[in-house]
């Protein structure tokens, strides 16, 4: 995302692009770590916010 881009506009456009790709049956990256992440231990901790 360009530094001076409108964040909401950028996210809405990105969401539309992902929805279109998904509707066409293309694979899309789900939220979270990228699919190819082999060692999650550097990114996953036992602490949490909330309950």
PDB file of N, CA and C in Angstrom:
ATOM      1  N   UNK A   1       0.851  -1.169   0.000  1.00  0.00           N
ATOM      2  CA  UNK A   1       0.000   0.000   0.000  1.00  0.00           C
ATOM      3  C   UNK A   1       0.898   1.234   0.000  1.00  0.00           C
ATOM      4  N   UNK A   2       0.700   2.125  -0.931  1.00  0.00           N
ATOM      5  CA  UNK A   2       1.486   3.360  -0.952  1.00  0.00           C
ATOM      6  C   UNK A   2       1.294   4.165   0.336  1.00  0.00           C
ATOM      7  N   UNK A   3       2.322   4.852   0.764  1.00  0.00           N
ATOM      8  CA  UNK A   3       2.298   5.595   2.027  1.00  0.00           C
ATOM      9  C   UNK A   3       1.163   6.617   2.094  1.00  0.00           C
ATOM     10  N   UNK A   4       0.841   7.251   0.982  1.00  0.00           N
ATOM     11  CA  UNK A   4      -0.182   8.300   1.001  1.00  0.00           C
ATOM     12  C   UNK A   4      -1.550   7.814   0.521  1.00  0.00           C
ATOM     13  N   UNK A   5      -1.708   6.523   0.381  1.00  0.00           N
ATOM     14  CA  UNK A   5      -2.984   5.971  -0.094  1.00  0.00           C
ATOM     15  C   UNK A   5      -4.047   6.077   0.991  1.00  0.00           C
ATOM     16  N   UNK A   6      -5.293   6.163   0.561  1.00  0.00           N
ATOM     17  CA  UNK A   6      -6.422   6.153   1.482  1.00  0.00           C
ATOM     18  C   UNK A   6      -6.611   4.705   1.944  1.00  0.00           C
ATOM     19  N   UNK A   7      -6.458   4.463   3.229  1.00  0.00           N
ATOM     20  CA  UNK A   7      -6.483   3.098   3.761  1.00  0.00           C
ATOM     21  C   UNK A   7      -7.796   2.385   3.474  1.00  0.00           C
ATOM     22  N   UNK A   8      -8.915   3.038   3.735  1.00  0.00           N
ATOM     23  CA  UNK A   8     -10.210   2.405   3.508  1.00  0.00           C
ATOM     24  C   UNK A   8     -10.402   2.071   2.036  1.00  0.00           C
ATOM     25  N   UNK A   9     -10.084   2.998   1.171  1.00  0.00           N
ATOM     26  CA  UNK A   9     -10.220   2.765  -0.267  1.00  0.00           C
ATOM     27  C   UNK A   9      -9.355   1.584  -0.705  1.00  0.00           C
ATOM     28  N   UNK A  10      -8.128   1.531  -0.200  1.00  0.00           N
ATOM     29  CA  UNK A  10      -7.217   0.442  -0.537  1.00  0.00           C
ATOM     30  C   UNK A  10      -7.785  -0.905  -0.096  1.00  0.00           C
ATOM     31  N   UNK A  11      -8.273  -0.968   1.149  1.00  0.00           N
ATOM     32  CA  UNK A  11      -8.795  -2.227   1.684  1.00  0.00           C
ATOM     33  C   UNK A  11     -10.067  -2.675   0.970  1.00  0.00           C
ATOM     34  N   UNK A  12     -10.936  -1.735   0.633  1.00  0.00           N
ATOM     35  CA  UNK A  12     -12.155  -2.088  -0.095  1.00  0.00           C
ATOM     36  C   UNK A  12     -11.832  -2.635  -1.482  1.00  0.00           C
ATOM     37  N   UNK A  13     -10.863  -2.026  -2.153  1.00  0.00           N
ATOM     38  CA  UNK A  13     -10.453  -2.501  -3.477  1.00  0.00           C
ATOM     39  C   UNK A  13      -9.827  -3.888  -3.360  1.00  0.00           C
ATOM     40  N   UNK A  14      -8.961  -4.071  -2.376  1.00  0.00           N
ATOM     41  CA  UNK A  14      -8.326  -5.370  -2.166  1.00  0.00           C
ATOM     42  C   UNK A  14      -9.372  -6.441  -1.871  1.00  0.00           C
ATOM     43  N   UNK A  15     -10.330  -6.122  -1.022  1.00  0.00           N
ATOM     44  CA  UNK A  15     -11.392  -7.065  -0.689  1.00  0.00           C
ATOM     45  C   UNK A  15     -12.185  -7.460  -1.934  1.00  0.00           C
ATOM     46  N   UNK A  16     -12.487  -6.495  -2.782  1.00  0.00           N
ATOM     47  CA  UNK A  16     -13.229  -6.785  -4.014  1.00  0.00           C
ATOM     48  C   UNK A  16     -12.415  -7.686  -4.939  1.00  0.00           C
ATOM     49  N   UNK A  17     -11.114  -7.444  -5.027  1.00  0.00           N
ATOM     50  CA  UNK A  17     -10.249  -8.263  -5.879  1.00  0.00           C
ATOM     51  C   UNK A  17     -10.181  -9.702  -5.373  1.00  0.00           C
ATOM     52  N   UNK A  18     -10.057  -9.863  -4.062  1.00  0.00           N
ATOM     53  CA  UNK A  18      -9.992 -11.207  -3.479  1.00  0.00           C
ATOM     54  C   UNK A  18     -11.331 -11.923  -3.656  1.00  0.00           C
ATOM     55  N   UNK A  19     -12.434 -11.222  -3.435  1.00  0.00           N
ATOM     56  CA  UNK A  19     -13.761 -11.823  -3.603  1.00  0.00           C
ATOM     57  C   UNK A  19     -13.973 -12.268  -5.048  1.00  0.00           C
ATOM     58  N   UNK A  20     -13.525 -11.469  -5.994  1.00  0.00           N
ATOM     59  CA  UNK A  20     -13.662 -11.820  -7.411  1.00  0.00           C
ATOM     60  C   UNK A  20     -12.835 -13.060  -7.742  1.00  0.00           C
ATOM     61  N   UNK A  21     -11.612 -13.108  -7.248  1.00  0.00           N
ATOM     62  CA  UNK A  21     -10.752 -14.271  -7.489  1.00  0.00           C
ATOM     63  C   UNK A  21     -11.361 -15.528  -6.875  1.00  0.00           C
ATOM     64  N   UNK A  22     -11.880 -15.399  -5.667  1.00  0.00           N
ATOM     65  CA  UNK A  22     -12.496 -16.536  -4.981  1.00  0.00           C
ATOM     66  C   UNK A  22     -13.737 -17.019  -5.739  1.00  0.00           C
ATOM     67  N   UNK A  23     -14.528 -16.084  -6.243  1.00  0.00           N
ATOM     68  CA  UNK A  23     -15.731 -16.434  -7.002  1.00  0.00           C
ATOM     69  C   UNK A  23     -15.388 -17.176  -8.293  1.00  0.00           C
ATOM     70  N   UNK A  24     -14.206 -16.907  -8.833  1.00  0.00           N
ATOM     71  CA  UNK A  24     -13.756 -17.585 -10.055  1.00  0.00           C
ATOM     72  C   UNK A  24     -13.103 -18.928  -9.750  1.00  0.00           C
ATOM     73  N   UNK A  25     -13.087 -19.307  -8.467  1.00  0.00           N
ATOM     74  CA  UNK A  25     -12.519 -20.595  -8.087  1.00  0.00           C
ATOM     75  C   UNK A  25     -11.025 -20.592  -7.872  1.00  0.00           C
ATOM     76  N   UNK A  26     -10.426 -19.414  -7.862  1.00  0.00           N
ATOM     77  CA  UNK A  26      -8.985 -19.324  -7.638  1.00  0.00           C
ATOM     78  C   UNK A  26      -8.692 -19.444  -6.146  1.00  0.00           C
ATOM     79  N   UNK A  27      -7.523 -19.975  -5.830  1.00  0.00           N
ATOM     80  CA  UNK A  27      -7.111 -20.084  -4.430  1.00  0.00           C
ATOM     81  C   UNK A  27      -6.746 -18.700  -3.911  1.00  0.00           C
ATOM     82  N   UNK A  28      -7.181 -18.388  -2.713  1.00  0.00           N
ATOM     83  CA  UNK A  28      -6.832 -17.114  -2.087  1.00  0.00           C
ATOM     84  C   UNK A  28      -6.203 -17.391  -0.726  1.00  0.00           C
ATOM     85  N   UNK A  29      -5.328 -16.506  -0.297  1.00  0.00           N
ATOM     86  CA  UNK A  29      -4.661 -16.650   0.996  1.00  0.00           C
ATOM     87  C   UNK A  29      -5.623 -16.253   2.098  1.00  0.00           C
ATOM     88  N   UNK A  30      -5.872 -17.166   3.024  1.00  0.00           N
ATOM     89  CA  UNK A  30      -6.740 -16.862   4.161  1.00  0.00           C
ATOM     90  C   UNK A  30      -5.989 -15.969   5.149  1.00  0.00           C
ATOM     91  N   UNK A  31      -6.689 -15.341   6.087  1.00  0.00           N
ATOM     92  CA  UNK A  31      -6.025 -14.517   7.098  1.00  0.00           C
ATOM     93  C   UNK A  31      -5.050 -15.358   7.925  1.00  0.00           C
ATOM     94  N   UNK A  32      -4.034 -14.720   8.420  1.00  0.00           N
ATOM     95  CA  UNK A  32      -3.049 -15.416   9.249  1.00  0.00           C
ATOM     96  C   UNK A  32      -1.726 -15.551   8.524  1.00  0.00           C
ATOM     97  N   UNK A  33      -0.932 -16.482   8.996  1.00  0.00           N
ATOM     98  CA  UNK A  33       0.374 -16.709   8.391  1.00  0.00           C
ATOM     99  C   UNK A  33       0.209 -17.283   6.990  1.00  0.00           C
ATOM    100  N   UNK A  34       1.118 -16.948   6.085  1.00  0.00           N
ATOM    101  CA  UNK A  34       1.040 -17.488   4.731  1.00  0.00           C
ATOM    102  C   UNK A  34       1.083 -19.018   4.736  1.00  0.00           C
ATOM    103  N   UNK A  35       0.431 -19.626   3.764  1.00  0.00           N
ATOM    104  CA  UNK A  35       0.340 -21.082   3.670  1.00  0.00           C
ATOM    105  C   UNK A  35       1.698 -21.775   3.721  1.00  0.00           C
ATOM    106  N   UNK A  36       2.729 -21.178   3.169  1.00  0.00           N
ATOM    107  CA  UNK A  36       4.043 -21.821   3.102  1.00  0.00           C
ATOM    108  C   UNK A  36       4.875 -21.737   4.366  1.00  0.00           C
ATOM    109  N   UNK A  37       4.349 -21.151   5.428  1.00  0.00           N
ATOM    110  CA  UNK A  37       5.113 -21.006   6.665  1.00  0.00           C
ATOM    111  C   UNK A  37       5.360 -22.383   7.267  1.00  0.00           C
ATOM    112  N   UNK A  38       6.636 -22.773   7.345  1.00  0.00           N
ATOM    113  CA  UNK A  38       6.972 -24.095   7.846  1.00  0.00           C
ATOM    114  C   UNK A  38       7.113 -24.115   9.364  1.00  0.00           C
ATOM    115  N   UNK A  39       7.737 -23.100   9.940  1.00  0.00           N
ATOM    116  CA  UNK A  39       7.955 -23.072  11.386  1.00  0.00           C
ATOM    117  C   UNK A  39       7.143 -21.938  11.993  1.00  0.00           C
ATOM    118  N   UNK A  40       5.990 -22.275  12.565  1.00  0.00           N
ATOM    119  CA  UNK A  40       5.099 -21.274  13.152  1.00  0.00           C
ATOM    120  C   UNK A  40       5.557 -20.829  14.538  1.00  0.00           C
ATOM    121  N   UNK A  41       6.490 -21.536  15.151  1.00  0.00           N
ATOM    122  CA  UNK A  41       6.863 -21.281  16.543  1.00  0.00           C
ATOM    123  C   UNK A  41       7.365 -19.855  16.783  1.00  0.00           C
ATOM    124  N   UNK A  42       7.972 -19.241  15.805  1.00  0.00           N
ATOM    125  CA  UNK A  42       8.456 -17.869  15.970  1.00  0.00           C
ATOM    126  C   UNK A  42       7.309 -16.860  16.000  1.00  0.00           C
ATOM    127  N   UNK A  43       6.129 -17.279  15.567  1.00  0.00           N
ATOM    128  CA  UNK A  43       4.995 -16.367  15.454  1.00  0.00           C
ATOM    129  C   UNK A  43       3.863 -16.664  16.434  1.00  0.00           C
ATOM    130  N   UNK A  44       3.884 -17.827  17.063  1.00  0.00           N
ATOM    131  CA  UNK A  44       2.806 -18.254  17.950  1.00  0.00           C
ATOM    132  C   UNK A  44       3.304 -18.259  19.388  1.00  0.00           C
ATOM    133  N   UNK A  45       2.537 -17.620  20.277  1.00  0.00           N
ATOM    134  CA  UNK A  45       2.908 -17.568  21.688  1.00  0.00           C
ATOM    135  C   UNK A  45       1.754 -18.073  22.543  1.00  0.00           C
ATOM    136  N   UNK A  46       2.039 -18.312  23.812  1.00  0.00           N
ATOM    137  CA  UNK A  46       1.021 -18.825  24.732  1.00  0.00           C
ATOM    138  C   UNK A  46       0.207 -17.706  25.373  1.00  0.00           C
ATOM    139  N   UNK A  47       0.704 -16.471  25.312  1.00  0.00           N
ATOM    140  CA  UNK A  47      -0.030 -15.366  25.927  1.00  0.00           C
ATOM    141  C   UNK A  47      -1.229 -14.976  25.068  1.00  0.00           C
ATOM    142  N   UNK A  48      -2.177 -14.301  25.692  1.00  0.00           N
ATOM    143  CA  UNK A  48      -3.393 -13.914  24.985  1.00  0.00           C
ATOM    144  C   UNK A  48      -3.994 -12.675  25.628  1.00  0.00           C
ATOM    145  N   UNK A  49      -4.829 -11.983  24.865  1.00  0.00           N
ATOM    146  CA  UNK A  49      -5.580 -10.845  25.384  1.00  0.00           C
ATOM    147  C   UNK A  49      -7.006 -11.321  25.595  1.00  0.00           C
ATOM    148  N   UNK A  50      -7.569 -11.047  26.745  1.00  0.00           N
ATOM    149  CA  UNK A  50      -8.950 -11.462  27.006  1.00  0.00           C
ATOM    150  C   UNK A  50      -8.999 -12.742  27.808  1.00  0.00           C
ATOM    151  N   UNK A  51     -10.018 -13.544  27.530  1.00  0.00           N
ATOM    152  CA  UNK A  51     -10.219 -14.761  28.326  1.00  0.00           C
ATOM    153  C   UNK A  51      -9.373 -15.916  27.879  1.00  0.00           C
TER     154      UNK A  51
END
